[in-house]
């Protein structure tokens, strides 16, 4: 199946402790059905000191399940579902179900 959410997309969190927050997708893990979103689902991790990195407690993004995020509509920024449309020239593009706007040009 074609990817409905891709790296670089602006998404909104639908459920959980970060509900309503939005951010950019940093990485998508299709086999796990999860994604990393910048600034969302932050967790504290204890980091051991190495030659390249300083030790201590660092904050980093944890993955979030794809069912808990929705793409932000390009027109109004509200959460929308994603559909697909075949263009006249044969391209397959993602469209926002809410407004019908093309997501990728």
N, C-alpha and C. Protein backbone atom coordinates (compact mmCIF):
# COMPACT_ATOMS: atom_id res chain seq x y z
N UNK A 1 0.85 -1.19 0.00
CA UNK A 1 0.00 0.00 0.00
C UNK A 1 0.88 1.24 0.00
N UNK A 2 0.44 2.27 -0.70
CA UNK A 2 1.20 3.52 -0.75
C UNK A 2 1.19 4.21 0.61
N UNK A 3 2.26 4.93 0.89
CA UNK A 3 2.41 5.59 2.20
C UNK A 3 1.50 6.82 2.27
N UNK A 4 0.66 6.85 3.30
CA UNK A 4 -0.21 8.01 3.48
C UNK A 4 0.50 9.12 4.23
N UNK A 5 1.44 8.75 5.10
CA UNK A 5 2.24 9.73 5.84
C UNK A 5 3.70 9.51 5.48
N UNK A 6 4.37 10.59 5.09
CA UNK A 6 5.76 10.50 4.64
C UNK A 6 6.63 11.47 5.42
N UNK A 7 7.93 11.28 5.31
CA UNK A 7 8.92 12.16 5.95
C UNK A 7 8.71 13.59 5.43
N UNK A 8 8.73 14.55 6.35
CA UNK A 8 8.56 15.95 5.98
C UNK A 8 7.13 16.45 6.07
N UNK A 9 6.15 15.56 6.25
CA UNK A 9 4.75 15.97 6.36
C UNK A 9 4.49 16.67 7.70
N UNK A 10 3.54 17.60 7.70
CA UNK A 10 3.10 18.25 8.93
C UNK A 10 1.91 17.45 9.44
N UNK A 11 2.03 16.92 10.68
CA UNK A 11 0.97 16.08 11.23
C UNK A 11 0.49 16.61 12.58
N UNK A 12 -0.70 16.16 12.98
CA UNK A 12 -1.31 16.53 14.25
C UNK A 12 -1.58 15.26 15.04
N UNK A 13 -1.28 15.28 16.35
CA UNK A 13 -1.49 14.11 17.21
C UNK A 13 -2.97 14.08 17.61
N UNK A 14 -3.60 12.91 17.43
CA UNK A 14 -5.04 12.76 17.70
C UNK A 14 -5.33 12.28 19.11
N UNK A 15 -4.46 11.43 19.68
CA UNK A 15 -4.72 10.87 21.00
C UNK A 15 -3.44 10.82 21.82
N UNK A 16 -3.61 10.60 23.12
CA UNK A 16 -2.46 10.45 24.01
C UNK A 16 -2.13 11.75 24.73
N UNK A 17 -1.01 11.76 25.45
CA UNK A 17 -0.66 12.91 26.27
C UNK A 17 -0.29 14.14 25.44
N UNK A 18 0.05 13.95 24.16
CA UNK A 18 0.40 15.07 23.29
C UNK A 18 -0.74 15.44 22.34
N UNK A 19 -1.96 15.06 22.67
CA UNK A 19 -3.13 15.33 21.82
C UNK A 19 -3.21 16.81 21.46
N UNK A 20 -3.40 17.08 20.17
CA UNK A 20 -3.53 18.46 19.70
C UNK A 20 -2.22 19.09 19.26
N UNK A 21 -1.09 18.52 19.65
CA UNK A 21 0.21 19.07 19.26
C UNK A 21 0.51 18.68 17.82
N UNK A 22 1.31 19.51 17.17
CA UNK A 22 1.66 19.20 15.78
C UNK A 22 3.16 19.28 15.60
N UNK A 23 3.63 18.68 14.54
CA UNK A 23 5.05 18.70 14.25
C UNK A 23 5.33 18.08 12.89
N UNK A 24 6.61 18.08 12.53
CA UNK A 24 7.04 17.54 11.25
C UNK A 24 7.52 16.10 11.43
N UNK A 25 7.18 15.23 10.49
CA UNK A 25 7.62 13.84 10.55
C UNK A 25 9.10 13.78 10.20
N UNK A 26 9.90 13.23 11.12
CA UNK A 26 11.34 13.10 10.93
C UNK A 26 11.66 11.78 10.22
N UNK A 27 10.94 10.72 10.61
CA UNK A 27 11.23 9.38 10.11
C UNK A 27 9.96 8.54 10.18
N UNK A 28 9.75 7.70 9.18
CA UNK A 28 8.62 6.77 9.18
C UNK A 28 9.17 5.35 9.18
N UNK A 29 8.61 4.50 10.04
CA UNK A 29 9.02 3.09 10.12
C UNK A 29 7.83 2.23 9.70
N UNK A 30 7.71 1.94 8.39
CA UNK A 30 6.53 1.22 7.88
C UNK A 30 6.37 -0.19 8.44
N UNK A 31 7.47 -0.88 8.69
CA UNK A 31 7.34 -2.26 9.19
C UNK A 31 6.75 -2.28 10.59
N UNK A 32 7.05 -1.25 11.39
CA UNK A 32 6.52 -1.15 12.75
C UNK A 32 5.19 -0.41 12.79
N UNK A 33 4.88 0.34 11.72
CA UNK A 33 3.67 1.16 11.69
C UNK A 33 3.78 2.36 12.61
N UNK A 34 4.99 2.91 12.74
CA UNK A 34 5.22 4.02 13.65
C UNK A 34 5.99 5.14 12.94
N UNK A 35 6.00 6.33 13.56
CA UNK A 35 6.72 7.47 13.00
C UNK A 35 7.32 8.30 14.12
N UNK A 36 8.38 9.02 13.80
CA UNK A 36 8.99 9.98 14.73
C UNK A 36 8.53 11.37 14.31
N UNK A 37 7.99 12.13 15.25
CA UNK A 37 7.50 13.48 14.97
C UNK A 37 8.29 14.46 15.83
N UNK A 38 8.83 15.49 15.20
CA UNK A 38 9.68 16.47 15.90
C UNK A 38 8.89 17.18 17.01
N UNK A 39 9.43 17.09 18.24
CA UNK A 39 8.84 17.79 19.39
C UNK A 39 7.64 17.11 20.02
N UNK A 40 7.30 15.91 19.57
CA UNK A 40 6.13 15.20 20.08
C UNK A 40 6.58 13.88 20.70
N UNK A 41 5.93 13.47 21.80
CA UNK A 41 6.22 12.22 22.51
C UNK A 41 7.67 12.20 23.01
N UNK A 42 8.05 13.28 23.69
CA UNK A 42 9.41 13.41 24.20
C UNK A 42 9.58 12.51 25.43
N UNK A 43 10.73 11.82 25.49
CA UNK A 43 11.05 10.97 26.62
C UNK A 43 12.46 11.30 27.09
N UNK A 44 12.74 11.01 28.37
CA UNK A 44 14.07 11.23 28.95
C UNK A 44 14.86 9.94 28.83
N UNK A 45 16.11 10.05 28.41
CA UNK A 45 16.98 8.88 28.29
C UNK A 45 18.30 9.16 28.99
N UNK A 46 18.79 8.17 29.71
CA UNK A 46 20.10 8.29 30.35
C UNK A 46 21.16 7.94 29.32
N UNK A 47 22.06 8.87 29.06
CA UNK A 47 23.10 8.69 28.05
C UNK A 47 24.45 8.49 28.72
N UNK A 48 25.13 7.42 28.37
CA UNK A 48 26.47 7.17 28.90
C UNK A 48 27.46 8.05 28.14
N UNK A 49 28.44 8.57 28.85
CA UNK A 49 29.41 9.46 28.21
C UNK A 49 30.33 8.67 27.28
N UNK A 50 30.56 9.23 26.09
CA UNK A 50 31.50 8.64 25.14
C UNK A 50 32.48 9.73 24.70
N UNK A 51 33.41 9.37 23.85
CA UNK A 51 34.38 10.35 23.34
C UNK A 51 33.70 11.44 22.52
N UNK A 52 32.62 11.07 21.82
CA UNK A 52 31.91 12.04 20.97
C UNK A 52 30.77 12.77 21.71
N UNK A 53 30.14 12.10 22.67
CA UNK A 53 28.96 12.66 23.32
C UNK A 53 29.14 12.79 24.81
N UNK A 54 28.53 13.84 25.34
CA UNK A 54 28.55 14.05 26.78
C UNK A 54 27.48 13.17 27.42
N UNK A 55 27.73 12.74 28.64
CA UNK A 55 26.76 11.90 29.34
C UNK A 55 25.68 12.75 30.00
N UNK A 56 24.69 12.09 30.58
CA UNK A 56 23.63 12.79 31.30
C UNK A 56 22.26 12.35 30.82
N UNK A 57 21.25 13.08 31.25
CA UNK A 57 19.88 12.76 30.88
C UNK A 57 19.50 13.65 29.70
N UNK A 58 19.14 13.03 28.58
CA UNK A 58 18.78 13.80 27.39
C UNK A 58 17.32 13.55 27.04
N UNK A 59 16.70 14.52 26.40
CA UNK A 59 15.33 14.38 25.91
C UNK A 59 15.38 14.06 24.42
N UNK A 60 14.59 13.09 24.00
CA UNK A 60 14.52 12.77 22.58
C UNK A 60 13.12 12.30 22.24
N UNK A 61 12.81 12.29 20.95
CA UNK A 61 11.49 11.87 20.50
C UNK A 61 11.39 10.35 20.50
N UNK A 62 10.27 9.84 20.98
CA UNK A 62 9.98 8.42 20.87
C UNK A 62 8.98 8.26 19.72
N UNK A 63 8.92 7.07 19.15
CA UNK A 63 8.02 6.88 18.02
C UNK A 63 6.56 6.89 18.48
N UNK A 64 5.68 7.24 17.56
CA UNK A 64 4.24 7.29 17.85
C UNK A 64 3.54 6.49 16.76
N UNK A 65 2.49 5.77 17.13
CA UNK A 65 1.81 4.91 16.17
C UNK A 65 1.11 5.73 15.10
N UNK A 66 1.13 5.24 13.86
CA UNK A 66 0.55 5.98 12.74
C UNK A 66 -0.95 6.22 12.91
N UNK A 67 -1.63 5.35 13.65
CA UNK A 67 -3.08 5.54 13.86
C UNK A 67 -3.37 6.72 14.78
N UNK A 68 -2.36 7.18 15.52
CA UNK A 68 -2.57 8.28 16.46
C UNK A 68 -2.18 9.64 15.90
N UNK A 69 -1.79 9.68 14.63
CA UNK A 69 -1.47 10.96 14.00
C UNK A 69 -2.26 11.11 12.71
N UNK A 70 -2.55 12.35 12.35
CA UNK A 70 -3.27 12.63 11.10
C UNK A 70 -2.57 13.78 10.40
N UNK A 71 -2.59 13.73 9.10
CA UNK A 71 -1.98 14.77 8.29
C UNK A 71 -2.73 16.09 8.48
N UNK A 72 -2.01 17.20 8.52
CA UNK A 72 -2.63 18.52 8.61
C UNK A 72 -3.08 18.94 7.22
N UNK A 73 -4.32 19.37 7.08
CA UNK A 73 -4.86 19.80 5.79
C UNK A 73 -4.08 21.02 5.29
N UNK A 74 -3.62 21.02 4.03
CA UNK A 74 -2.85 22.15 3.51
C UNK A 74 -3.63 23.47 3.51
N UNK A 75 -4.98 23.41 3.44
CA UNK A 75 -5.77 24.64 3.38
C UNK A 75 -6.01 25.27 4.75
N UNK A 76 -6.47 24.47 5.73
CA UNK A 76 -6.82 25.07 7.04
C UNK A 76 -6.02 24.54 8.22
N UNK A 77 -5.15 23.56 8.00
CA UNK A 77 -4.29 23.06 9.09
C UNK A 77 -4.95 22.11 10.05
N UNK A 78 -6.20 21.71 9.79
CA UNK A 78 -6.89 20.78 10.67
C UNK A 78 -6.61 19.35 10.24
N UNK A 79 -6.78 18.37 11.15
CA UNK A 79 -6.48 16.98 10.79
C UNK A 79 -7.38 16.47 9.67
N UNK A 80 -6.80 15.72 8.75
CA UNK A 80 -7.56 15.17 7.64
C UNK A 80 -7.09 13.76 7.32
N UNK A 81 -7.98 12.99 6.71
CA UNK A 81 -7.59 11.68 6.20
C UNK A 81 -6.96 11.88 4.83
N UNK A 82 -6.27 10.86 4.36
CA UNK A 82 -5.55 10.96 3.10
C UNK A 82 -6.14 9.99 2.08
N UNK A 83 -6.36 10.50 0.87
CA UNK A 83 -6.82 9.67 -0.23
C UNK A 83 -5.83 9.78 -1.38
N UNK A 84 -6.09 9.02 -2.43
CA UNK A 84 -5.21 9.04 -3.59
C UNK A 84 -6.03 9.33 -4.83
N UNK A 85 -5.39 10.02 -5.79
CA UNK A 85 -6.05 10.34 -7.04
C UNK A 85 -5.04 10.15 -8.16
N UNK A 86 -5.48 9.54 -9.25
CA UNK A 86 -4.62 9.38 -10.43
C UNK A 86 -4.86 10.58 -11.33
N UNK A 87 -3.79 11.30 -11.63
CA UNK A 87 -3.89 12.49 -12.48
C UNK A 87 -3.95 12.08 -13.95
N UNK A 88 -4.29 13.05 -14.83
CA UNK A 88 -4.40 12.76 -16.26
C UNK A 88 -3.07 12.30 -16.86
N UNK A 89 -1.96 12.80 -16.31
CA UNK A 89 -0.65 12.40 -16.85
C UNK A 89 -0.13 11.10 -16.25
N UNK A 90 -0.95 10.42 -15.43
CA UNK A 90 -0.59 9.11 -14.90
C UNK A 90 0.02 9.14 -13.51
N UNK A 91 0.27 10.35 -12.96
CA UNK A 91 0.84 10.45 -11.62
C UNK A 91 -0.21 10.09 -10.58
N UNK A 92 0.25 9.47 -9.49
CA UNK A 92 -0.63 9.16 -8.36
C UNK A 92 -0.29 10.15 -7.25
N UNK A 93 -1.24 10.99 -6.87
CA UNK A 93 -0.97 12.02 -5.85
C UNK A 93 -1.86 11.82 -4.64
N UNK A 94 -1.37 12.27 -3.49
CA UNK A 94 -2.15 12.23 -2.26
C UNK A 94 -3.06 13.46 -2.22
N UNK A 95 -4.28 13.26 -1.77
CA UNK A 95 -5.22 14.38 -1.62
C UNK A 95 -5.81 14.36 -0.22
N UNK A 96 -6.10 15.55 0.30
CA UNK A 96 -6.74 15.67 1.62
C UNK A 96 -8.23 15.40 1.46
N UNK A 97 -8.77 14.47 2.23
CA UNK A 97 -10.20 14.13 2.14
C UNK A 97 -11.07 15.31 2.59
N UNK A 98 -10.58 16.09 3.53
CA UNK A 98 -11.34 17.20 4.11
C UNK A 98 -11.63 18.29 3.08
N UNK A 99 -10.58 18.72 2.34
CA UNK A 99 -10.74 19.84 1.41
C UNK A 99 -10.59 19.46 -0.06
N UNK A 100 -10.03 18.27 -0.31
CA UNK A 100 -9.78 17.86 -1.68
C UNK A 100 -8.50 18.43 -2.28
N UNK A 101 -7.71 19.13 -1.45
CA UNK A 101 -6.46 19.75 -1.93
C UNK A 101 -5.38 18.70 -2.12
N UNK A 102 -4.54 18.91 -3.14
CA UNK A 102 -3.39 18.03 -3.36
C UNK A 102 -2.37 18.25 -2.27
N UNK A 103 -1.78 17.16 -1.78
CA UNK A 103 -0.79 17.28 -0.71
C UNK A 103 0.60 17.42 -1.30
N UNK A 104 0.91 16.60 -2.31
CA UNK A 104 2.21 16.74 -2.95
C UNK A 104 2.04 17.07 -4.41
N UNK A 105 2.84 18.01 -4.89
CA UNK A 105 2.69 18.53 -6.24
C UNK A 105 3.31 17.64 -7.24
